[in-house]
Amino acid sequence: MPRAKLIRTDSCPYHITSRSNNKEWFYIPICDVWKYSNQLLSESVKKFDIQIDAFVLMNNHYHLCIHTPNANIDKFMHFFNKNLGAKISRQAKRINRIFGAPYKWSLIKNDQYYFHVIRYIYQNPIRTRMVENCIDYPYSDIKKQNFSIAEIEWINTLINKKEVDSTCRNLRKYIIN
């Protein structure tokens, strides 16, 4: 089945995920991938006028919730994945691509699903048993988002397996009403 045509919009956020080639761990320490990711995201905020609502880096993929006021998700994603892959490749002395397939995306068109995606993203390290609380995972921007204590507690309230599976499926549906 062909990939759905990308919808460029400024009216609602995207849930984005991109995974490494063959689901292998990144070839350099995750702290270095985190450093490169943050550098590129900071640069992208200025260059593409994007707003990052959530970002979590895992051992072989990342999740991102992002608004694109200039409807330029394609330009941002090309810049981000290309440059992150190049930095990882350069440090690892690899010549093959880092990201195995095009990024997956879904457009979030309602507030309920938006908040669900935020929790889903920040709970990734909990679901993989890396930490017990979202705030404890070092490769997450949750501390930068200025959430209140109550919001952090809500984010830490685990979503059930059905909701997790639904979110994964929605990354293949593209538009969530």
Protein backbone atom coordinates (compact mmCIF):
# COMPACT_ATOMS: atom_id res chain seq x y z
CA MET A 1 0.00 0.00 0.00
CA PRO A 2 1.48 3.40 -0.93
CA ARG A 3 2.26 5.93 1.72
CA ALA A 4 -0.46 8.53 2.25
CA LYS A 5 0.26 11.97 0.92
CA LEU A 6 1.58 14.24 3.66
CA ILE A 7 -0.88 16.85 4.83
CA ARG A 8 0.80 20.17 5.51
CA THR A 9 -1.17 22.28 7.95
CA ASP A 10 -0.79 25.06 10.45
CA SER A 11 -4.10 24.38 12.21
CA CYS A 12 -3.34 21.31 14.34
CA PRO A 13 -0.35 19.45 15.76
CA TYR A 14 1.36 16.31 14.52
CA HIS A 15 2.44 13.22 16.39
CA ILE A 16 5.70 12.14 14.75
CA THR A 17 7.86 9.09 15.29
CA SER A 18 10.98 7.94 13.52
CA ARG A 19 12.83 4.69 14.16
CA SER A 20 16.40 3.63 13.44
CA ASN A 21 17.24 1.24 10.64
CA ASN A 22 16.36 -2.38 11.53
CA LYS A 23 15.21 -1.18 14.97
CA GLU A 24 18.86 -1.23 16.05
CA TRP A 25 20.00 1.00 18.86
CA PHE A 26 21.67 4.20 17.77
CA TYR A 27 25.35 3.51 17.16
CA ILE A 28 26.59 6.10 19.61
CA PRO A 29 25.76 6.77 23.27
CA ILE A 30 22.19 7.99 23.73
CA CYS A 31 23.50 11.03 25.62
CA ASP A 32 25.22 12.13 22.39
CA VAL A 33 22.08 11.54 20.32
CA TRP A 34 20.18 13.59 22.93
CA LYS A 35 22.71 16.43 22.64
CA TYR A 36 22.49 16.44 18.83
CA SER A 37 18.69 16.22 18.91
CA ASN A 38 18.41 19.20 21.23
CA GLN A 39 20.83 21.25 19.14
CA LEU A 40 18.84 20.52 15.99
CA LEU A 41 15.47 21.14 17.66
CA SER A 42 16.68 24.49 19.03
CA GLU A 43 17.93 25.44 15.59
CA SER A 44 14.66 24.26 14.03
CA VAL A 45 12.50 26.37 16.34
CA LYS A 46 14.23 29.44 14.90
CA LYS A 47 14.66 28.23 11.31
CA PHE A 48 11.19 26.73 10.77
CA ASP A 49 9.14 28.57 13.41
CA ILE A 50 7.93 25.32 14.96
CA GLN A 51 6.54 24.69 18.44
CA ILE A 52 7.60 21.52 20.22
CA ASP A 53 5.00 20.22 22.65
CA ALA A 54 6.72 16.95 23.60
CA PHE A 55 9.93 15.15 22.70
CA VAL A 56 11.23 11.83 24.01
CA LEU A 57 14.30 10.04 22.70
CA MET A 58 14.46 6.28 23.14
CA ASN A 59 17.31 3.88 22.31
CA ASN A 60 16.24 3.38 18.70
CA HIS A 61 13.52 5.94 17.98
CA TYR A 62 11.97 9.20 19.06
CA HIS A 63 8.49 10.64 19.53
CA LEU A 64 7.60 14.23 18.91
CA CYS A 65 4.45 16.31 19.18
CA ILE A 66 4.82 19.47 17.14
CA HIS A 67 2.90 22.46 15.77
CA THR A 68 3.99 23.96 12.45
CA PRO A 69 2.53 27.48 12.09
CA ASN A 70 4.05 27.73 8.60
CA ALA A 71 2.67 24.35 7.44
CA ASN A 72 6.24 23.18 6.83
CA ILE A 73 6.39 19.79 8.56
CA ASP A 74 8.09 18.26 5.52
CA LYS A 75 10.90 20.81 5.48
CA PHE A 76 11.46 20.51 9.23
CA MET A 77 11.47 16.70 9.19
CA HIS A 78 13.84 16.57 6.23
CA PHE A 79 16.23 18.92 8.01
CA PHE A 80 15.95 17.19 11.39
CA ASN A 81 16.27 13.54 10.32
CA LYS A 82 18.92 14.26 7.69
CA ASN A 83 21.12 16.23 10.08
CA LEU A 84 20.57 13.97 13.09
CA GLY A 85 21.40 10.94 10.95
CA ALA A 86 24.52 12.67 9.61
CA LYS A 87 25.76 13.58 13.08
CA ILE A 88 25.22 10.02 14.35
CA SER A 89 26.87 8.53 11.25
CA ARG A 90 29.85 10.85 11.49
CA GLN A 91 30.50 10.03 15.15
CA ALA A 92 29.88 6.28 14.66
CA LYS A 93 31.95 6.25 11.45
CA ARG A 94 29.06 4.58 9.58
CA ILE A 95 28.08 5.06 5.98
CA ASN A 96 24.59 3.51 5.96
CA ARG A 97 21.45 5.40 6.78
CA ILE A 98 20.42 5.77 10.40
CA PHE A 99 16.65 6.01 10.04
CA GLY A 100 15.19 2.92 8.41
CA ALA A 101 12.02 4.28 6.86
CA PRO A 102 10.19 7.55 6.42
CA TYR A 103 8.89 9.03 9.63
CA LYS A 104 5.35 8.16 10.70
CA TRP A 105 2.92 10.93 11.42
CA SER A 106 -0.64 11.57 12.46
CA LEU A 107 -2.53 14.83 12.55
CA ILE A 108 -4.25 15.56 15.87
CA LYS A 109 -7.59 17.28 15.41
CA ASN A 110 -9.11 17.19 18.89
CA ASP A 111 -7.99 18.14 22.37
CA GLN A 112 -8.78 14.79 23.97
CA TYR A 113 -6.53 12.93 21.57
CA TYR A 114 -3.85 15.64 21.85
CA PHE A 115 -3.61 15.12 25.62
CA HIS A 116 -3.61 11.37 25.10
CA VAL A 117 -0.63 11.71 22.70
CA ILE A 118 1.29 13.85 25.19
CA ARG A 119 0.87 11.16 27.85
CA TYR A 120 1.70 8.41 25.37
CA ILE A 121 4.95 10.14 24.37
CA TYR A 122 6.12 10.85 27.91
CA GLN A 123 5.16 7.37 29.12
CA ASN A 124 7.35 5.57 26.59
CA PRO A 125 10.20 5.13 29.12
CA ILE A 126 7.73 3.83 31.71
CA ARG A 127 6.25 1.27 29.33
CA THR A 128 9.76 -0.05 28.61
CA ARG A 129 10.49 -0.16 32.37
CA MET A 130 13.40 2.28 32.14
CA VAL A 131 11.90 4.52 34.84
CA GLU A 132 8.90 4.56 37.14
CA ASN A 133 8.08 8.25 36.62
CA CYS A 134 8.18 10.26 33.42
CA ILE A 135 10.07 13.09 35.10
CA ASP A 136 12.98 10.74 35.89
CA TYR A 137 13.80 9.88 32.28
CA PRO A 138 16.81 11.97 31.23
CA TYR A 139 16.11 11.97 27.48
CA SER A 140 12.77 13.74 27.61
CA ASP A 141 11.93 17.42 27.39
CA ILE A 142 9.25 17.11 30.08
CA LYS A 143 11.22 19.35 32.47
CA LYS A 144 11.43 22.08 29.81
CA GLN A 145 7.65 22.16 29.36
CA ASN A 146 6.92 23.82 32.74
CA PHE A 147 4.17 21.42 33.73
CA SER A 148 2.61 21.83 37.15
CA ILE A 149 2.93 19.07 39.75
CA ALA A 150 -0.69 18.07 39.08
CA GLU A 151 -0.02 17.85 35.34
CA ILE A 152 3.08 15.70 35.95
CA GLU A 153 1.01 13.39 38.16
CA TRP A 154 -1.63 13.16 35.42
CA ILE A 155 1.02 12.41 32.78
CA ASN A 156 2.38 9.64 35.03
CA THR A 157 -1.06 8.03 35.33
CA LEU A 158 -0.58 5.08 33.03
CA ILE A 159 -2.70 4.77 29.95
CA ASN A 160 -4.00 1.27 29.37
CA LYS A 161 -2.85 -1.19 26.71
CA LYS A 162 -5.91 -0.52 24.57
CA GLU A 163 -5.07 3.20 24.43
CA VAL A 164 -1.40 2.44 23.67
CA ASP A 165 -2.39 0.12 20.82
CA SER A 166 -4.85 2.67 19.53
CA THR A 167 -2.18 5.38 19.44
CA CYS A 168 0.19 3.08 17.55
CA ARG A 169 -2.55 2.30 15.00
CA ASN A 170 -3.36 5.99 14.65
CA LEU A 171 0.15 6.67 13.40
CA ARG A 172 -0.94 4.73 10.32
CA LYS A 173 -4.30 6.52 9.94
CA TYR A 174 -2.75 9.98 9.52
CA ILE A 175 -5.77 12.05 10.64
CA ILE A 176 -7.37 11.71 14.06
CA ASN A 177 -10.66 13.56 14.37
